[in-house]
N, C-alpha and C. Protein backbone atom coordinates (compact mmCIF):
# COMPACT_ATOMS: atom_id res chain seq x y z
N MET A 1 3.40 33.75 -6.48
CA MET A 1 2.61 32.82 -5.71
C MET A 1 3.24 31.42 -5.83
N LYS A 2 3.49 30.80 -4.68
CA LYS A 2 4.12 29.48 -4.65
C LYS A 2 3.06 28.39 -4.84
N ARG A 3 3.36 27.46 -5.72
CA ARG A 3 2.45 26.34 -6.00
C ARG A 3 2.73 25.17 -5.08
N LYS A 4 1.67 24.49 -4.63
CA LYS A 4 1.83 23.29 -3.81
C LYS A 4 2.17 22.11 -4.71
N LYS A 5 3.01 21.23 -4.20
CA LYS A 5 3.30 19.99 -4.91
C LYS A 5 2.10 19.07 -4.81
N VAL A 6 1.90 18.26 -5.82
CA VAL A 6 0.77 17.32 -5.82
C VAL A 6 0.85 16.39 -4.62
N GLU A 7 2.06 15.91 -4.28
CA GLU A 7 2.17 14.97 -3.16
C GLU A 7 1.91 15.62 -1.81
N ASP A 8 1.91 16.97 -1.74
CA ASP A 8 1.64 17.67 -0.50
C ASP A 8 0.14 17.88 -0.27
N GLU A 9 -0.67 17.70 -1.32
CA GLU A 9 -2.10 17.92 -1.20
C GLU A 9 -2.75 16.77 -0.44
N VAL A 10 -3.74 17.13 0.35
CA VAL A 10 -4.48 16.14 1.13
C VAL A 10 -5.86 15.99 0.51
N PRO A 11 -6.30 14.75 0.25
CA PRO A 11 -7.63 14.57 -0.33
C PRO A 11 -8.70 15.10 0.61
N SER A 12 -9.82 15.52 0.05
CA SER A 12 -10.91 16.09 0.86
C SER A 12 -11.80 15.01 1.47
N PHE A 13 -11.46 13.74 1.27
CA PHE A 13 -12.22 12.63 1.84
C PHE A 13 -11.26 11.52 2.25
N LYS A 14 -11.75 10.59 3.03
CA LYS A 14 -10.93 9.46 3.46
C LYS A 14 -10.84 8.47 2.30
N VAL A 15 -9.67 8.30 1.75
CA VAL A 15 -9.46 7.49 0.55
C VAL A 15 -9.91 6.05 0.76
N SER A 16 -9.66 5.48 1.92
CA SER A 16 -9.96 4.07 2.17
C SER A 16 -11.46 3.76 2.15
N THR A 17 -12.31 4.77 2.25
CA THR A 17 -13.75 4.53 2.23
C THR A 17 -14.33 4.54 0.82
N HIS A 18 -13.54 4.90 -0.16
CA HIS A 18 -14.04 4.93 -1.54
C HIS A 18 -14.26 3.51 -2.05
N PHE A 19 -15.36 3.29 -2.75
CA PHE A 19 -15.73 1.93 -3.17
C PHE A 19 -14.76 1.32 -4.18
N LEU A 20 -13.97 2.10 -4.86
CA LEU A 20 -13.03 1.56 -5.84
C LEU A 20 -11.66 1.22 -5.26
N ILE A 21 -11.41 1.60 -4.02
CA ILE A 21 -10.11 1.37 -3.39
C ILE A 21 -10.16 0.07 -2.58
N PRO A 22 -9.30 -0.91 -2.92
CA PRO A 22 -9.29 -2.15 -2.14
C PRO A 22 -8.70 -1.91 -0.75
N LYS A 23 -8.89 -2.86 0.13
CA LYS A 23 -8.40 -2.76 1.50
C LYS A 23 -6.87 -2.83 1.51
N HIS A 24 -6.22 -1.86 2.16
CA HIS A 24 -4.77 -1.81 2.31
C HIS A 24 -4.44 -1.93 3.79
N GLU A 25 -3.50 -2.80 4.13
CA GLU A 25 -3.09 -2.97 5.53
C GLU A 25 -1.57 -2.92 5.62
N LEU A 26 -1.07 -2.16 6.57
CA LEU A 26 0.36 -2.10 6.83
C LEU A 26 0.75 -3.34 7.63
N LEU A 27 1.74 -4.08 7.14
CA LEU A 27 2.19 -5.28 7.84
C LEU A 27 3.21 -4.92 8.91
N THR A 28 3.18 -5.66 10.00
CA THR A 28 4.21 -5.50 11.03
C THR A 28 5.51 -6.10 10.47
N LYS A 29 6.61 -5.82 11.12
CA LYS A 29 7.90 -6.38 10.68
C LYS A 29 7.87 -7.91 10.71
N GLU A 30 7.22 -8.47 11.72
CA GLU A 30 7.12 -9.93 11.82
C GLU A 30 6.27 -10.51 10.68
N GLU A 31 5.13 -9.88 10.40
CA GLU A 31 4.28 -10.35 9.30
C GLU A 31 5.02 -10.23 7.96
N ALA A 32 5.74 -9.12 7.77
CA ALA A 32 6.49 -8.93 6.53
C ALA A 32 7.55 -10.01 6.38
N SER A 33 8.23 -10.36 7.47
CA SER A 33 9.24 -11.43 7.42
C SER A 33 8.62 -12.76 7.03
N GLN A 34 7.44 -13.05 7.56
CA GLN A 34 6.74 -14.29 7.22
C GLN A 34 6.35 -14.32 5.74
N VAL A 35 5.88 -13.19 5.21
CA VAL A 35 5.51 -13.12 3.80
C VAL A 35 6.74 -13.32 2.92
N LEU A 36 7.85 -12.67 3.27
CA LEU A 36 9.08 -12.81 2.49
C LEU A 36 9.58 -14.25 2.51
N ALA A 37 9.47 -14.92 3.67
CA ALA A 37 9.89 -16.31 3.76
C ALA A 37 8.95 -17.22 2.96
N ARG A 38 7.66 -16.94 3.04
CA ARG A 38 6.67 -17.75 2.33
C ARG A 38 6.90 -17.73 0.82
N PHE A 39 7.24 -16.55 0.30
CA PHE A 39 7.46 -16.42 -1.14
C PHE A 39 8.94 -16.53 -1.53
N ASN A 40 9.80 -16.75 -0.53
CA ASN A 40 11.24 -16.87 -0.76
C ASN A 40 11.74 -15.72 -1.65
N SER A 41 11.47 -14.51 -1.20
CA SER A 41 11.80 -13.34 -2.01
C SER A 41 12.30 -12.19 -1.15
N SER A 42 12.76 -11.14 -1.81
CA SER A 42 13.17 -9.92 -1.12
C SER A 42 12.09 -8.86 -1.37
N PRO A 43 12.03 -7.83 -0.54
CA PRO A 43 10.99 -6.82 -0.70
C PRO A 43 10.98 -6.18 -2.09
N SER A 44 12.15 -5.97 -2.67
CA SER A 44 12.23 -5.30 -3.96
C SER A 44 11.65 -6.14 -5.11
N GLN A 45 11.33 -7.41 -4.85
CA GLN A 45 10.74 -8.25 -5.89
C GLN A 45 9.21 -8.10 -5.95
N PHE A 46 8.63 -7.38 -4.99
CA PHE A 46 7.20 -7.13 -5.00
C PHE A 46 6.90 -5.85 -5.78
N PRO A 47 5.68 -5.71 -6.29
CA PRO A 47 5.33 -4.47 -6.98
C PRO A 47 5.48 -3.28 -6.03
N TYR A 48 5.90 -2.15 -6.57
CA TYR A 48 6.13 -0.96 -5.76
C TYR A 48 4.86 -0.13 -5.62
N ILE A 49 4.79 0.60 -4.52
CA ILE A 49 3.79 1.64 -4.33
C ILE A 49 4.54 2.82 -3.71
N GLN A 50 4.32 4.01 -4.22
CA GLN A 50 5.08 5.16 -3.76
C GLN A 50 4.58 5.66 -2.41
N ALA A 51 5.50 6.18 -1.62
CA ALA A 51 5.18 6.70 -0.30
C ALA A 51 4.27 7.92 -0.39
N THR A 52 4.20 8.54 -1.56
CA THR A 52 3.34 9.71 -1.76
C THR A 52 1.91 9.34 -2.14
N ASP A 53 1.62 8.06 -2.32
CA ASP A 53 0.28 7.61 -2.65
C ASP A 53 -0.66 7.93 -1.48
N ALA A 54 -1.87 8.39 -1.78
CA ALA A 54 -2.81 8.82 -0.74
C ALA A 54 -3.14 7.72 0.26
N ILE A 55 -3.33 6.51 -0.20
CA ILE A 55 -3.69 5.42 0.71
C ILE A 55 -2.50 5.04 1.59
N VAL A 56 -1.29 5.15 1.07
CA VAL A 56 -0.08 4.86 1.85
C VAL A 56 0.05 5.89 2.97
N LYS A 57 -0.20 7.14 2.66
CA LYS A 57 -0.15 8.19 3.69
C LYS A 57 -1.21 7.93 4.75
N GLU A 58 -2.40 7.52 4.31
CA GLU A 58 -3.50 7.31 5.25
C GLU A 58 -3.21 6.19 6.24
N ILE A 59 -2.59 5.10 5.79
CA ILE A 59 -2.32 3.98 6.71
C ILE A 59 -1.00 4.16 7.47
N GLY A 60 -0.24 5.20 7.12
CA GLY A 60 0.99 5.50 7.86
C GLY A 60 2.19 4.68 7.45
N ALA A 61 2.18 4.15 6.23
CA ALA A 61 3.31 3.35 5.76
C ALA A 61 4.48 4.25 5.38
N ARG A 62 5.67 3.74 5.51
CA ARG A 62 6.91 4.46 5.19
C ARG A 62 7.72 3.63 4.19
N PRO A 63 8.65 4.27 3.48
CA PRO A 63 9.51 3.50 2.56
C PRO A 63 10.18 2.34 3.30
N GLY A 64 10.13 1.17 2.68
CA GLY A 64 10.69 -0.03 3.29
C GLY A 64 9.62 -0.93 3.88
N ASP A 65 8.39 -0.43 4.02
CA ASP A 65 7.30 -1.23 4.58
C ASP A 65 6.66 -2.10 3.50
N LEU A 66 5.97 -3.13 3.95
CA LEU A 66 5.21 -4.00 3.06
C LEU A 66 3.73 -3.81 3.37
N VAL A 67 2.91 -3.69 2.33
CA VAL A 67 1.48 -3.45 2.47
C VAL A 67 0.71 -4.62 1.86
N ARG A 68 -0.29 -5.12 2.59
CA ARG A 68 -1.16 -6.18 2.08
C ARG A 68 -2.39 -5.50 1.45
N VAL A 69 -2.71 -5.90 0.22
CA VAL A 69 -3.87 -5.36 -0.49
C VAL A 69 -4.82 -6.53 -0.73
N THR A 70 -6.06 -6.37 -0.28
CA THR A 70 -7.07 -7.40 -0.45
C THR A 70 -8.19 -6.86 -1.33
N ARG A 71 -8.34 -7.49 -2.49
CA ARG A 71 -9.36 -7.07 -3.45
C ARG A 71 -10.51 -8.05 -3.45
N SER A 72 -11.74 -7.51 -3.60
CA SER A 72 -12.91 -8.39 -3.79
C SER A 72 -13.05 -8.69 -5.27
N SER A 73 -13.49 -9.89 -5.54
CA SER A 73 -13.68 -10.31 -6.92
C SER A 73 -14.94 -11.15 -7.02
N GLU A 74 -15.75 -10.89 -8.02
CA GLU A 74 -16.97 -11.68 -8.20
C GLU A 74 -16.64 -13.13 -8.52
N THR A 75 -15.55 -13.37 -9.22
CA THR A 75 -15.20 -14.73 -9.63
C THR A 75 -14.32 -15.46 -8.61
N ALA A 76 -13.38 -14.75 -8.01
CA ALA A 76 -12.43 -15.41 -7.10
C ALA A 76 -12.79 -15.21 -5.63
N GLY A 77 -13.77 -14.41 -5.33
CA GLY A 77 -14.10 -14.11 -3.94
C GLY A 77 -13.25 -12.95 -3.46
N SER A 78 -12.00 -13.23 -3.15
CA SER A 78 -11.05 -12.17 -2.82
C SER A 78 -9.65 -12.62 -3.21
N SER A 79 -8.82 -11.65 -3.49
CA SER A 79 -7.42 -11.96 -3.81
C SER A 79 -6.52 -11.04 -3.00
N THR A 80 -5.42 -11.60 -2.56
CA THR A 80 -4.48 -10.85 -1.73
C THR A 80 -3.16 -10.73 -2.46
N TYR A 81 -2.61 -9.53 -2.44
CA TYR A 81 -1.27 -9.34 -2.97
C TYR A 81 -0.55 -8.31 -2.12
N TYR A 82 0.72 -8.13 -2.36
CA TYR A 82 1.56 -7.30 -1.50
C TYR A 82 2.26 -6.24 -2.34
N ARG A 83 2.48 -5.07 -1.73
CA ARG A 83 3.19 -3.98 -2.40
C ARG A 83 4.29 -3.48 -1.46
N TYR A 84 5.40 -3.11 -2.03
CA TYR A 84 6.56 -2.61 -1.29
C TYR A 84 6.59 -1.09 -1.41
N VAL A 85 6.62 -0.39 -0.28
CA VAL A 85 6.60 1.07 -0.28
C VAL A 85 7.99 1.62 -0.57
N VAL A 86 8.06 2.51 -1.57
CA VAL A 86 9.32 3.15 -1.97
C VAL A 86 9.17 4.67 -1.91
N GLU A 87 10.30 5.36 -1.93
CA GLU A 87 10.30 6.83 -1.94
C GLU A 87 9.49 7.34 -3.12
N GLY A 88 8.81 8.45 -2.92
CA GLY A 88 7.96 9.02 -3.98
C GLY A 88 8.64 9.90 -4.91
């Protein structure tokens, strides 16, 4: 009997609707360029997120894309950070 790989499994629910998952948005190439210019950095200098991550699959991101993550915070209101999608 052949075993499925973990990255091939599909969650039984929509990951983005879970209350513990912050909002993830795939940036357009233009938006990604603006973010890179704003921070004067290259994509590889941002924290990585693997292409096999469930939320990355859900939003349709591919290796090389930049993802905006917006978290709610009781103290700060909200915080935004960026993740660079890499091979899984």
